[in-house]
Amino acid sequence: MSSVIEATVKALVEFESELDKAKAEAAEAKRRATKDAADWAEAAKASAISKAQEIGARRVADAKAEAESEAERIRQKGASDLKAFESSISRHRSKAADLVASRLLGETA
């Protein structure tokens, strides 16, 4: 009977040893899974940030191009308006000079 008890105790000790190994492996698997999840989350975060920066840079470039185009249109309109204004001044200067000359000469218009 003592050999049966010894065999049972030996089996229980081996079972406990296997159970401890299984617990250790489960803990290691949990640690690896947690690390893998953290690594995946970090990679996803970096990817999202990169994509957001690309989108932001593209929007800034588009806005800059649009602003430059608008500025060029405004500059061209300003140049056109200035040319028309200078032409008007030139026409009126001649009329003004003629009026002044006729007044100085005593002529009435």
PDB file of N, CA and C in Angstrom:
ATOM      1  N   MET A   1       0.807  -1.174   0.000  1.00  0.00           N
ATOM      2  CA  MET A   1       0.000   0.000   0.000  1.00  0.00           C
ATOM      3  C   MET A   1       0.863   1.254   0.000  1.00  0.00           C
ATOM      4  N   SER A   2       1.990   1.143   0.642  1.00  0.00           N
ATOM      5  CA  SER A   2       2.869   2.293   0.691  1.00  0.00           C
ATOM      6  C   SER A   2       3.410   2.622  -0.696  1.00  0.00           C
ATOM      7  N   SER A   3       3.592   1.625  -1.556  1.00  0.00           N
ATOM      8  CA  SER A   3       4.058   1.921  -2.907  1.00  0.00           C
ATOM      9  C   SER A   3       2.970   2.624  -3.719  1.00  0.00           C
ATOM     10  N   VAL A   4       1.719   2.331  -3.450  1.00  0.00           N
ATOM     11  CA  VAL A   4       0.606   3.003  -4.124  1.00  0.00           C
ATOM     12  C   VAL A   4       0.568   4.462  -3.686  1.00  0.00           C
ATOM     13  N   ILE A   5       0.763   4.712  -2.417  1.00  0.00           N
ATOM     14  CA  ILE A   5       0.783   6.090  -1.896  1.00  0.00           C
ATOM     15  C   ILE A   5       1.974   6.826  -2.482  1.00  0.00           C
ATOM     16  N   GLU A   6       3.130   6.153  -2.494  1.00  0.00           N
ATOM     17  CA  GLU A   6       4.321   6.792  -3.067  1.00  0.00           C
ATOM     18  C   GLU A   6       4.093   7.104  -4.545  1.00  0.00           C
ATOM     19  N   ALA A   7       3.494   6.213  -5.288  1.00  0.00           N
ATOM     20  CA  ALA A   7       3.220   6.441  -6.706  1.00  0.00           C
ATOM     21  C   ALA A   7       2.235   7.595  -6.873  1.00  0.00           C
ATOM     22  N   THR A   8       1.232   7.657  -5.991  1.00  0.00           N
ATOM     23  CA  THR A   8       0.244   8.733  -6.056  1.00  0.00           C
ATOM     24  C   THR A   8       0.901  10.071  -5.749  1.00  0.00           C
ATOM     25  N   VAL A   9       1.726  10.097  -4.712  1.00  0.00           N
ATOM     26  CA  VAL A   9       2.428  11.340  -4.342  1.00  0.00           C
ATOM     27  C   VAL A   9       3.351  11.762  -5.474  1.00  0.00           C
ATOM     28  N   LYS A  10       4.061  10.774  -6.039  1.00  0.00           N
ATOM     29  CA  LYS A  10       4.971  11.070  -7.146  1.00  0.00           C
ATOM     30  C   LYS A  10       4.179  11.627  -8.326  1.00  0.00           C
ATOM     31  N   ALA A  11       3.022  11.040  -8.618  1.00  0.00           N
ATOM     32  CA  ALA A  11       2.179  11.514  -9.717  1.00  0.00           C
ATOM     33  C   ALA A  11       1.684  12.931  -9.426  1.00  0.00           C
ATOM     34  N   LEU A  12       1.302  13.185  -8.164  1.00  0.00           N
ATOM     35  CA  LEU A  12       0.840  14.523  -7.785  1.00  0.00           C
ATOM     36  C   LEU A  12       1.965  15.551  -7.903  1.00  0.00           C
ATOM     37  N   VAL A  13       3.172  15.176  -7.504  1.00  0.00           N
ATOM     38  CA  VAL A  13       4.328  16.074  -7.607  1.00  0.00           C
ATOM     39  C   VAL A  13       4.605  16.383  -9.072  1.00  0.00           C
ATOM     40  N   GLU A  14       4.565  15.351  -9.915  1.00  0.00           N
ATOM     41  CA  GLU A  14       4.791  15.564 -11.349  1.00  0.00           C
ATOM     42  C   GLU A  14       3.679  16.444 -11.937  1.00  0.00           C
ATOM     43  N   PHE A  15       2.435  16.181 -11.502  1.00  0.00           N
ATOM     44  CA  PHE A  15       1.310  16.981 -11.974  1.00  0.00           C
ATOM     45  C   PHE A  15       1.484  18.436 -11.553  1.00  0.00           C
ATOM     46  N   GLU A  16       1.913  18.634 -10.305  1.00  0.00           N
ATOM     47  CA  GLU A  16       2.139  19.994  -9.808  1.00  0.00           C
ATOM     48  C   GLU A  16       3.255  20.671 -10.596  1.00  0.00           C
ATOM     49  N   SER A  17       4.292  19.915 -10.907  1.00  0.00           N
ATOM     50  CA  SER A  17       5.399  20.449 -11.690  1.00  0.00           C
ATOM     51  C   SER A  17       4.916  20.849 -13.090  1.00  0.00           C
ATOM     52  N   GLU A  18       4.125  20.008 -13.725  1.00  0.00           N
ATOM     53  CA  GLU A  18       3.574  20.309 -15.056  1.00  0.00           C
ATOM     54  C   GLU A  18       2.636  21.517 -14.986  1.00  0.00           C
ATOM     55  N   LEU A  19       1.878  21.581 -13.900  1.00  0.00           N
ATOM     56  CA  LEU A  19       0.970  22.702 -13.710  1.00  0.00           C
ATOM     57  C   LEU A  19       1.754  24.009 -13.561  1.00  0.00           C
ATOM     58  N   ASP A  20       2.859  23.968 -12.808  1.00  0.00           N
ATOM     59  CA  ASP A  20       3.705  25.156 -12.648  1.00  0.00           C
ATOM     60  C   ASP A  20       4.295  25.575 -13.990  1.00  0.00           C
ATOM     61  N   LYS A  21       4.729  24.593 -14.804  1.00  0.00           N
ATOM     62  CA  LYS A  21       5.264  24.901 -16.135  1.00  0.00           C
ATOM     63  C   LYS A  21       4.179  25.543 -17.002  1.00  0.00           C
ATOM     64  N   ALA A  22       2.973  24.990 -16.938  1.00  0.00           N
ATOM     65  CA  ALA A  22       1.863  25.531 -17.726  1.00  0.00           C
ATOM     66  C   ALA A  22       1.545  26.961 -17.293  1.00  0.00           C
ATOM     67  N   LYS A  23       1.566  27.209 -15.973  1.00  0.00           N
ATOM     68  CA  LYS A  23       1.327  28.565 -15.467  1.00  0.00           C
ATOM     69  C   LYS A  23       2.412  29.513 -15.963  1.00  0.00           C
ATOM     70  N   ALA A  24       3.670  29.074 -15.922  1.00  0.00           N
ATOM     71  CA  ALA A  24       4.783  29.907 -16.380  1.00  0.00           C
ATOM     72  C   ALA A  24       4.647  30.202 -17.873  1.00  0.00           C
ATOM     73  N   GLU A  25       4.300  29.181 -18.645  1.00  0.00           N
ATOM     74  CA  GLU A  25       4.125  29.379 -20.091  1.00  0.00           C
ATOM     75  C   GLU A  25       2.956  30.322 -20.367  1.00  0.00           C
ATOM     76  N   ALA A  26       1.881  30.176 -19.594  1.00  0.00           N
ATOM     77  CA  ALA A  26       0.725  31.063 -19.768  1.00  0.00           C
ATOM     78  C   ALA A  26       1.099  32.498 -19.420  1.00  0.00           C
ATOM     79  N   ALA A  27       1.870  32.674 -18.368  1.00  0.00           N
ATOM     80  CA  ALA A  27       2.305  34.021 -17.973  1.00  0.00           C
ATOM     81  C   ALA A  27       3.209  34.620 -19.051  1.00  0.00           C
ATOM     82  N   GLU A  28       4.097  33.802 -19.602  1.00  0.00           N
ATOM     83  CA  GLU A  28       4.995  34.267 -20.671  1.00  0.00           C
ATOM     84  C   GLU A  28       4.184  34.617 -21.921  1.00  0.00           C
ATOM     85  N   ALA A  29       3.213  33.777 -22.249  1.00  0.00           N
ATOM     86  CA  ALA A  29       2.365  34.053 -23.417  1.00  0.00           C
ATOM     87  C   ALA A  29       1.582  35.348 -23.211  1.00  0.00           C
ATOM     88  N   LYS A  30       1.101  35.561 -21.994  1.00  0.00           N
ATOM     89  CA  LYS A  30       0.370  36.793 -21.688  1.00  0.00           C
ATOM     90  C   LYS A  30       1.297  38.004 -21.832  1.00  0.00           C
ATOM     91  N   ARG A  31       2.522  37.872 -21.319  1.00  0.00           N
ATOM     92  CA  ARG A  31       3.498  38.960 -21.425  1.00  0.00           C
ATOM     93  C   ARG A  31       3.804  39.275 -22.894  1.00  0.00           C
ATOM     94  N   ARG A  32       4.024  38.232 -23.697  1.00  0.00           N
ATOM     95  CA  ARG A  32       4.309  38.428 -25.118  1.00  0.00           C
ATOM     96  C   ARG A  32       3.111  39.047 -25.835  1.00  0.00           C
ATOM     97  N   ALA A  33       1.913  38.567 -25.524  1.00  0.00           N
ATOM     98  CA  ALA A  33       0.704  39.101 -26.159  1.00  0.00           C
ATOM     99  C   ALA A  33       0.522  40.576 -25.795  1.00  0.00           C
ATOM    100  N   THR A  34       0.771  40.906 -24.535  1.00  0.00           N
ATOM    101  CA  THR A  34       0.669  42.299 -24.097  1.00  0.00           C
ATOM    102  C   THR A  34       1.692  43.165 -24.817  1.00  0.00           C
ATOM    103  N   LYS A  35       2.924  42.668 -24.927  1.00  0.00           N
ATOM    104  CA  LYS A  35       3.981  43.412 -25.631  1.00  0.00           C
ATOM    105  C   LYS A  35       3.631  43.563 -27.107  1.00  0.00           C
ATOM    106  N   ASP A  36       3.154  42.476 -27.722  1.00  0.00           N
ATOM    107  CA  ASP A  36       2.768  42.543 -29.137  1.00  0.00           C
ATOM    108  C   ASP A  36       1.642  43.549 -29.357  1.00  0.00           C
ATOM    109  N   ALA A  37       0.671  43.549 -28.453  1.00  0.00           N
ATOM    110  CA  ALA A  37      -0.445  44.495 -28.563  1.00  0.00           C
ATOM    111  C   ALA A  37       0.051  45.931 -28.407  1.00  0.00           C
ATOM    112  N   ALA A  38       0.957  46.147 -27.465  1.00  0.00           N
ATOM    113  CA  ALA A  38       1.518  47.494 -27.270  1.00  0.00           C
ATOM    114  C   ALA A  38       2.316  47.918 -28.497  1.00  0.00           C
ATOM    115  N   ASP A  39       3.096  46.988 -29.051  1.00  0.00           N
ATOM    116  CA  ASP A  39       3.866  47.298 -30.261  1.00  0.00           C
ATOM    117  C   ASP A  39       2.939  47.629 -31.424  1.00  0.00           C
ATOM    118  N   TRP A  40       1.874  46.825 -31.560  1.00  0.00           N
ATOM    119  CA  TRP A  40       0.915  47.070 -32.634  1.00  0.00           C
ATOM    120  C   TRP A  40       0.247  48.434 -32.445  1.00  0.00           C
ATOM    121  N   ALA A  41      -0.126  48.746 -31.226  1.00  0.00           N
ATOM    122  CA  ALA A  41      -0.772  50.030 -30.942  1.00  0.00           C
ATOM    123  C   ALA A  41       0.172  51.182 -31.254  1.00  0.00           C
ATOM    124  N   GLU A  42       1.432  51.048 -30.906  1.00  0.00           N
ATOM    125  CA  GLU A  42       2.418  52.092 -31.181  1.00  0.00           C
ATOM    126  C   GLU A  42       2.603  52.272 -32.691  1.00  0.00           C
ATOM    127  N   ALA A  43       2.660  51.156 -33.421  1.00  0.00           N
ATOM    128  CA  ALA A  43       2.794  51.231 -34.875  1.00  0.00           C
ATOM    129  C   ALA A  43       1.563  51.880 -35.501  1.00  0.00           C
ATOM    130  N   ALA A  44       0.381  51.526 -34.997  1.00  0.00           N
ATOM    131  CA  ALA A  44      -0.853  52.126 -35.511  1.00  0.00           C
ATOM    132  C   ALA A  44      -0.880  53.625 -35.220  1.00  0.00           C
ATOM    133  N   LYS A  45      -0.435  53.998 -34.041  1.00  0.00           N
ATOM    134  CA  LYS A  45      -0.379  55.414 -33.668  1.00  0.00           C
ATOM    135  C   LYS A  45       0.582  56.169 -34.585  1.00  0.00           C
ATOM    136  N   ALA A  46       1.761  55.603 -34.813  1.00  0.00           N
ATOM    137  CA  ALA A  46       2.752  56.246 -35.686  1.00  0.00           C
ATOM    138  C   ALA A  46       2.204  56.374 -37.103  1.00  0.00           C
ATOM    139  N   SER A  47       1.525  55.329 -37.567  1.00  0.00           N
ATOM    140  CA  SER A  47       0.941  55.368 -38.910  1.00  0.00           C
ATOM    141  C   SER A  47      -0.132  56.439 -39.009  1.00  0.00           C
ATOM    142  N   ALA A  48      -0.974  56.527 -37.987  1.00  0.00           N
ATOM    143  CA  ALA A  48      -2.039  57.533 -37.986  1.00  0.00           C
ATOM    144  C   ALA A  48      -1.457  58.947 -37.958  1.00  0.00           C
ATOM    145  N   ILE A  49      -0.440  59.140 -37.162  1.00  0.00           N
ATOM    146  CA  ILE A  49       0.203  60.458 -37.089  1.00  0.00           C
ATOM    147  C   ILE A  49       0.830  60.808 -38.435  1.00  0.00           C
ATOM    148  N   SER A  50       1.500  59.839 -39.031  1.00  0.00           N
ATOM    149  CA  SER A  50       2.128  60.068 -40.337  1.00  0.00           C
ATOM    150  C   SER A  50       1.095  60.432 -41.387  1.00  0.00           C
ATOM    151  N   LYS A  51       0.003  59.692 -41.405  1.00  0.00           N
ATOM    152  CA  LYS A  51      -1.057  59.961 -42.378  1.00  0.00           C
ATOM    153  C   LYS A  51      -1.662  61.341 -42.130  1.00  0.00           C
ATOM    154  N   ALA A  52      -1.878  61.693 -40.864  1.00  0.00           N
ATOM    155  CA  ALA A  52      -2.436  63.009 -40.536  1.00  0.00           C
ATOM    156  C   ALA A  52      -1.483  64.121 -40.975  1.00  0.00           C
ATOM    157  N   GLN A  53      -0.182  63.893 -40.795  1.00  0.00           N
ATOM    158  CA  GLN A  53       0.794  64.894 -41.218  1.00  0.00           C
ATOM    159  C   GLN A  53       0.796  65.037 -42.740  1.00  0.00           C
ATOM    160  N   GLU A  54       0.673  63.928 -43.454  1.00  0.00           N
ATOM    161  CA  GLU A  54       0.607  63.984 -44.915  1.00  0.00           C
ATOM    162  C   GLU A  54      -0.625  64.760 -45.365  1.00  0.00           C
ATOM    163  N   ILE A  55      -1.762  64.462 -44.747  1.00  0.00           N
ATOM    164  CA  ILE A  55      -2.999  65.156 -45.105  1.00  0.00           C
ATOM    165  C   ILE A  55      -2.872  66.642 -44.790  1.00  0.00           C
ATOM    166  N   GLY A  56      -2.324  66.951 -43.620  1.00  0.00           N
ATOM    167  CA  GLY A  56      -2.136  68.349 -43.236  1.00  0.00           C
ATOM    168  C   GLY A  56      -1.201  69.074 -44.187  1.00  0.00           C
ATOM    169  N   ALA A  57      -0.094  68.425 -44.542  1.00  0.00           N
ATOM    170  CA  ALA A  57       0.866  69.047 -45.465  1.00  0.00           C
ATOM    171  C   ALA A  57       0.223  69.281 -46.827  1.00  0.00           C
ATOM    172  N   ARG A  58      -0.575  68.317 -47.285  1.00  0.00           N
ATOM    173  CA  ARG A  58      -1.243  68.461 -48.576  1.00  0.00           C
ATOM    174  C   ARG A  58      -2.244  69.617 -48.528  1.00  0.00           C
ATOM    175  N   ARG A  59      -2.991  69.708 -47.425  1.00  0.00           N
ATOM    176  CA  ARG A  59      -3.960  70.806 -47.303  1.00  0.00           C
ATOM    177  C   ARG A  59      -3.265  72.162 -47.236  1.00  0.00           C
ATOM    178  N   VAL A  60      -2.143  72.228 -46.528  1.00  0.00           N
ATOM    179  CA  VAL A  60      -1.394  73.481 -46.443  1.00  0.00           C
ATOM    180  C   VAL A  60      -0.866  73.859 -47.825  1.00  0.00           C
ATOM    181  N   ALA A  61      -0.330  72.871 -48.559  1.00  0.00           N
ATOM    182  CA  ALA A  61       0.184  73.143 -49.902  1.00  0.00           C
ATOM    183  C   ALA A  61      -0.941  73.616 -50.822  1.00  0.00           C
ATOM    184  N   ASP A  62      -2.107  72.975 -50.736  1.00  0.00           N
ATOM    185  CA  ASP A  62      -3.247  73.393 -51.561  1.00  0.00           C
ATOM    186  C   ASP A  62      -3.690  74.808 -51.205  1.00  0.00           C
ATOM    187  N   ALA A  63      -3.756  75.096 -49.907  1.00  0.00           N
ATOM    188  CA  ALA A  63      -4.165  76.436 -49.464  1.00  0.00           C
ATOM    189  C   ALA A  63      -3.146  77.484 -49.914  1.00  0.00           C
ATOM    190  N   LYS A  64      -1.865  77.124 -49.837  1.00  0.00           N
ATOM    191  CA  LYS A  64      -0.811  78.055 -50.259  1.00  0.00           C
ATOM    192  C   LYS A  64      -0.925  78.329 -51.757  1.00  0.00           C
ATOM    193  N   ALA A  65      -1.124  77.272 -52.545  1.00  0.00           N
ATOM    194  CA  ALA A  65      -1.252  77.444 -53.995  1.00  0.00           C
ATOM    195  C   ALA A  65      -2.468  78.312 -54.321  1.00  0.00           C
ATOM    196  N   GLU A  66      -3.571  78.057 -53.617  1.00  0.00           N
ATOM    197  CA  GLU A  66      -4.782  78.846 -53.849  1.00  0.00           C
ATOM    198  C   GLU A  66      -4.550  80.311 -53.468  1.00  0.00           C
ATOM    199  N   ALA A  67      -3.884  80.531 -52.342  1.00  0.00           N
ATOM    200  CA  ALA A  67      -3.599  81.905 -51.900  1.00  0.00           C
ATOM    201  C   ALA A  67      -2.667  82.607 -52.879  1.00  0.00           C
ATOM    202  N   GLU A  68      -1.661  81.891 -53.371  1.00  0.00           N
ATOM    203  CA  GLU A  68      -0.741  82.490 -54.338  1.00  0.00           C
ATOM    204  C   GLU A  68      -1.461  82.828 -55.641  1.00  0.00           C
ATOM    205  N   SER A  69      -2.368  81.951 -56.052  1.00  0.00           N
ATOM    206  CA  SER A  69      -3.150  82.198 -57.265  1.00  0.00           C
ATOM    207  C   SER A  69      -4.030  83.431 -57.076  1.00  0.00           C
ATOM    208  N   GLU A  70      -4.681  83.505 -55.935  1.00  0.00           N
ATOM    209  CA  GLU A  70      -5.538  84.655 -55.630  1.00  0.00           C
ATOM    210  C   GLU A  70      -4.706  85.936 -55.559  1.00  0.00           C
ATOM    211  N   ALA A  71      -3.533  85.849 -54.944  1.00  0.00           N
ATOM    212  CA  ALA A  71      -2.652  87.020 -54.857  1.00  0.00           C
ATOM    213  C   ALA A  71      -2.223  87.475 -56.252  1.00  0.00           C
ATOM    214  N   GLU A  72      -1.922  86.541 -57.130  1.00  0.00           N
ATOM    215  CA  GLU A  72      -1.527  86.887 -58.494  1.00  0.00           C
ATOM    216  C   GLU A  72      -2.684  87.537 -59.238  1.00  0.00           C
ATOM    217  N   ARG A  73      -3.902  87.003 -59.049  1.00  0.00           N
ATOM    218  CA  ARG A  73      -5.075  87.595 -59.681  1.00  0.00           C
ATOM    219  C   ARG A  73      -5.291  89.029 -59.182  1.00  0.00           C
ATOM    220  N   ILE A  74      -5.130  89.232 -57.880  1.00  0.00           N
ATOM    221  CA  ILE A  74      -5.284  90.571 -57.300  1.00  0.00           C
ATOM    222  C   ILE A  74      -4.191  91.505 -57.827  1.00  0.00           C
ATOM    223  N   ARG A  75      -2.962  90.986 -57.930  1.00  0.00           N
ATOM    224  CA  ARG A  75      -1.857  91.807 -58.447  1.00  0.00           C
ATOM    225  C   ARG A  75      -2.125  92.222 -59.886  1.00  0.00           C
ATOM    226  N   GLN A  76      -2.596  91.284 -60.705  1.00  0.00           N
ATOM    227  CA  GLN A  76      -2.888  91.600 -62.099  1.00  0.00           C
ATOM    228  C   GLN A  76      -4.015  92.624 -62.203  1.00  0.00           C
ATOM    229  N   LYS A  77      -5.053  92.473 -61.381  1.00  0.00           N
ATOM    230  CA  LYS A  77      -6.148  93.439 -61.395  1.00  0.00           C
ATOM    231  C   LYS A  77      -5.642  94.808 -60.957  1.00  0.00           C
ATOM    232  N   GLY A  78      -4.796  94.817 -59.937  1.00  0.00           N
ATOM    233  CA  GLY A  78      -4.224  96.084 -59.474  1.00  0.00           C
ATOM    234  C   GLY A  78      -3.391  96.757 -60.562  1.00  0.00           C
ATOM    235  N   ALA A  79      -2.588  95.957 -61.274  1.00  0.00           N
ATOM    236  CA  ALA A  79      -1.776  96.513 -62.360  1.00  0.00           C
ATOM    237  C   ALA A  79      -2.667  97.059 -63.461  1.00  0.00           C
ATOM    238  N   SER A  80      -3.738  96.328 -63.775  1.00  0.00           N
ATOM    239  CA  SER A  80      -4.676  96.777 -64.806  1.00  0.00           C
ATOM    240  C   SER A  80      -5.371  98.071 -64.366  1.00  0.00           C
ATOM    241  N   ASP A  81      -5.824  98.106 -63.122  1.00  0.00           N
ATOM    242  CA  ASP A  81      -6.485  99.307 -62.602  1.00  0.00           C
ATOM    243  C   ASP A  81      -5.528 100.492 -62.566  1.00  0.00           C
ATOM    244  N   LEU A  82      -4.272 100.230 -62.192  1.00  0.00           N
ATOM    245  CA  LEU A  82      -3.273 101.305 -62.160  1.00  0.00           C
ATOM    246  C   LEU A  82      -3.034 101.859 -63.555  1.00  0.00           C
ATOM    247  N   LYS A  83      -2.958 100.975 -64.542  1.00  0.00           N
ATOM    248  CA  LYS A  83      -2.736 101.415 -65.918  1.00  0.00           C
ATOM    249  C   LYS A  83      -3.902 102.285 -66.380  1.00  0.00           C
ATOM    250  N   ALA A  84      -5.133 101.856 -66.071  1.00  0.00           N
ATOM    251  CA  ALA A  84      -6.314 102.636 -66.444  1.00  0.00           C
ATOM    252  C   ALA A  84      -6.311 103.984 -65.723  1.00  0.00           C
ATOM    253  N   PHE A  85      -5.927 103.991 -64.455  1.00  0.00           N
ATOM    254  CA  PHE A  85      -5.873 105.232 -63.674  1.00  0.00           C
ATOM    255  C   PHE A  85      -4.826 106.180 -64.245  1.00  0.00           C
ATOM    256  N   GLU A  86      -3.649 105.642 -64.559  1.00  0.00           N
ATOM    257  CA  GLU A  86      -2.583 106.484 -65.125  1.00  0.00           C
ATOM    258  C   GLU A  86      -2.992 107.037 -66.486  1.00  0.00           C
ATOM    259  N   SER A  87      -3.691 106.228 -67.271  1.00  0.00           N
ATOM    260  CA  SER A  87      -4.176 106.684 -68.573  1.00  0.00           C
ATOM    261  C   SER A  87      -5.186 107.814 -68.382  1.00  0.00           C
ATOM    262  N   SER A  88      -6.090 107.643 -67.403  1.00  0.00           N
ATOM    263  CA  SER A  88      -7.087 108.670 -67.111  1.00  0.00           C
ATOM    264  C   SER A  88      -6.414 109.955 -66.649  1.00  0.00           C
ATOM    265  N   ILE A  89      -5.418 109.823 -65.793  1.00  0.00           N
ATOM    266  CA  ILE A  89      -4.681 111.008 -65.320  1.00  0.00           C
ATOM    267  C   ILE A  89      -4.014 111.709 -66.494  1.00  0.00           C
ATOM    268  N   SER A  90      -3.421 110.928 -67.373  1.00  0.00           N
ATOM    269  CA  SER A  90      -2.737 111.494 -68.532  1.00  0.00           C
ATOM    270  C   SER A  90      -3.720 112.269 -69.404  1.00  0.00           C
ATOM    271  N   ARG A  91      -4.894 111.696 -69.669  1.00  0.00           N
ATOM    272  CA  ARG A  91      -5.909 112.384 -70.485  1.00  0.00           C
ATOM    273  C   ARG A  91      -6.376 113.662 -69.794  1.00  0.00           C
ATOM    274  N   HIS A  92      -6.632 113.576 -68.499  1.00  0.00           N
ATOM    275  CA  HIS A  92      -7.118 114.747 -67.767  1.00  0.00           C
ATOM    276  C   HIS A  92      -6.025 115.797 -67.572  1.00  0.00           C
ATOM    277  N   ARG A  93      -4.768 115.377 -67.530  1.00  0.00           N
ATOM    278  CA  ARG A  93      -3.659 116.324 -67.384  1.00  0.00           C
ATOM    279  C   ARG A  93      -3.594 117.217 -68.615  1.00  0.00           C
ATOM    280  N   SER A  94      -3.765 116.601 -69.765  1.00  0.00           N
ATOM    281  CA  SER A  94      -3.740 117.394 -71.007  1.00  0.00           C
ATOM    282  C   SER A  94      -4.883 118.392 -71.018  1.00  0.00           C
ATOM    283  N   LYS A  95      -6.081 117.948 -70.635  1.00  0.00           N
ATOM    284  CA  LYS A  95      -7.236 118.852 -70.575  1.00  0.00           C
ATOM    285  C   LYS A  95      -6.985 119.961 -69.565  1.00  0.00           C
ATOM    286  N   ALA A  96      -6.430 119.588 -68.392  1.00  0.00           N
ATOM    287  CA  ALA A  96      -6.166 120.580 -67.348  1.00  0.00           C
ATOM    288  C   ALA A  96      -5.134 121.593 -67.838  1.00  0.00           C
ATOM    289  N   ALA A  97      -4.098 121.106 -68.499  1.00  0.00           N
ATOM    290  CA  ALA A  97      -3.073 122.020 -69.007  1.00  0.00           C
ATOM    291  C   ALA A  97      -3.670 122.961 -70.045  1.00  0.00           C
ATOM    292  N   ASP A  98      -4.530 122.458 -70.895  1.00  0.00           N
ATOM    293  CA  ASP A  98      -5.186 123.311 -71.896  1.00  0.00           C
ATOM    294  C   ASP A  98      -6.069 124.354 -71.225  1.00  0.00           C
ATOM    295  N   LEU A  99      -6.819 123.943 -70.198  1.00  0.00           N
ATOM    296  CA  LEU A  99      -7.684 124.888 -69.485  1.00  0.00           C
ATOM    297  C   LEU A  99      -6.864 125.979 -68.791  1.00  0.00           C
ATOM    298  N   VAL A 100      -5.791 125.579 -68.131  1.00  0.00           N
ATOM    299  CA  VAL A 100      -4.938 126.560 -67.443  1.00  0.00           C
ATOM    300  C   VAL A 100      -4.338 127.519 -68.456  1.00  0.00           C
ATOM    301  N   ALA A 101      -3.848 126.983 -69.559  1.00  0.00           N
ATOM    302  CA  ALA A 101      -3.245 127.852 -70.587  1.00  0.00           C
ATOM    303  C   ALA A 101      -4.276 128.826 -71.163  1.00  0.00           C
ATOM    304  N   SER A 102      -5.482 128.309 -71.404  1.00  0.00           N
ATOM    305  CA  SER A 102      -6.507 129.210 -71.972  1.00  0.00           C
ATOM    306  C   SER A 102      -6.915 130.268 -70.966  1.00  0.00           C
ATOM    307  N   ARG A 103      -6.941 129.950 -69.675  1.00  0.00           N
ATOM    308  CA  ARG A 103      -7.307 130.934 -68.650  1.00  0.00           C
ATOM    309  C   ARG A 103      -6.205 131.977 -68.532  1.00  0.00           C
ATOM    310  N   LEU A 104      -4.955 131.505 -68.597  1.00  0.00           N
ATOM    311  CA  LEU A 104      -3.844 132.455 -68.490  1.00  0.00           C
ATOM    312  C   LEU A 104      -3.802 133.385 -69.705  1.00  0.00           C
ATOM    313  N   LEU A 105      -4.220 132.872 -70.819  1.00  0.00           N
ATOM    314  CA  LEU A 105      -4.228 133.675 -72.027  1.00  0.00           C
ATOM    315  C   LEU A 105      -5.513 134.510 -72.119  1.00  0.00           C
ATOM    316  N   GLY A 106      -6.406 134.345 -71.166  1.00  0.00           N
ATOM    317  CA  GLY A 106      -7.630 135.129 -71.107  1.00  0.00           C
ATOM    318  C   GLY A 106      -8.748 134.576 -71.953  1.00  0.00           C
ATOM    319  N   GLU A 107      -8.604 133.398 -72.412  1.00  0.00           N
ATOM    320  CA  GLU A 107      -9.654 132.798 -73.223  1.00  0.00           C
ATOM    321  C   GLU A 107     -10.682 132.142 -72.303  1.00  0.00           C
ATOM    322  N   THR A 108     -11.924 132.090 -72.761  1.00  0.00           N
ATOM    323  CA  THR A 108     -12.946 131.402 -71.988  1.00  0.00           C
ATOM    324  C   THR A 108     -13.370 130.149 -72.750  1.00  0.00           C
ATOM    325  N   ALA A 109     -13.649 129.174 -72.012  1.00  0.00           N
ATOM    326  CA  ALA A 109     -13.986 127.916 -72.666  1.00  0.00           C
ATOM    327  C   ALA A 109     -15.423 127.818 -73.024  1.00  0.00           C
TER     328      ALA A 109
END
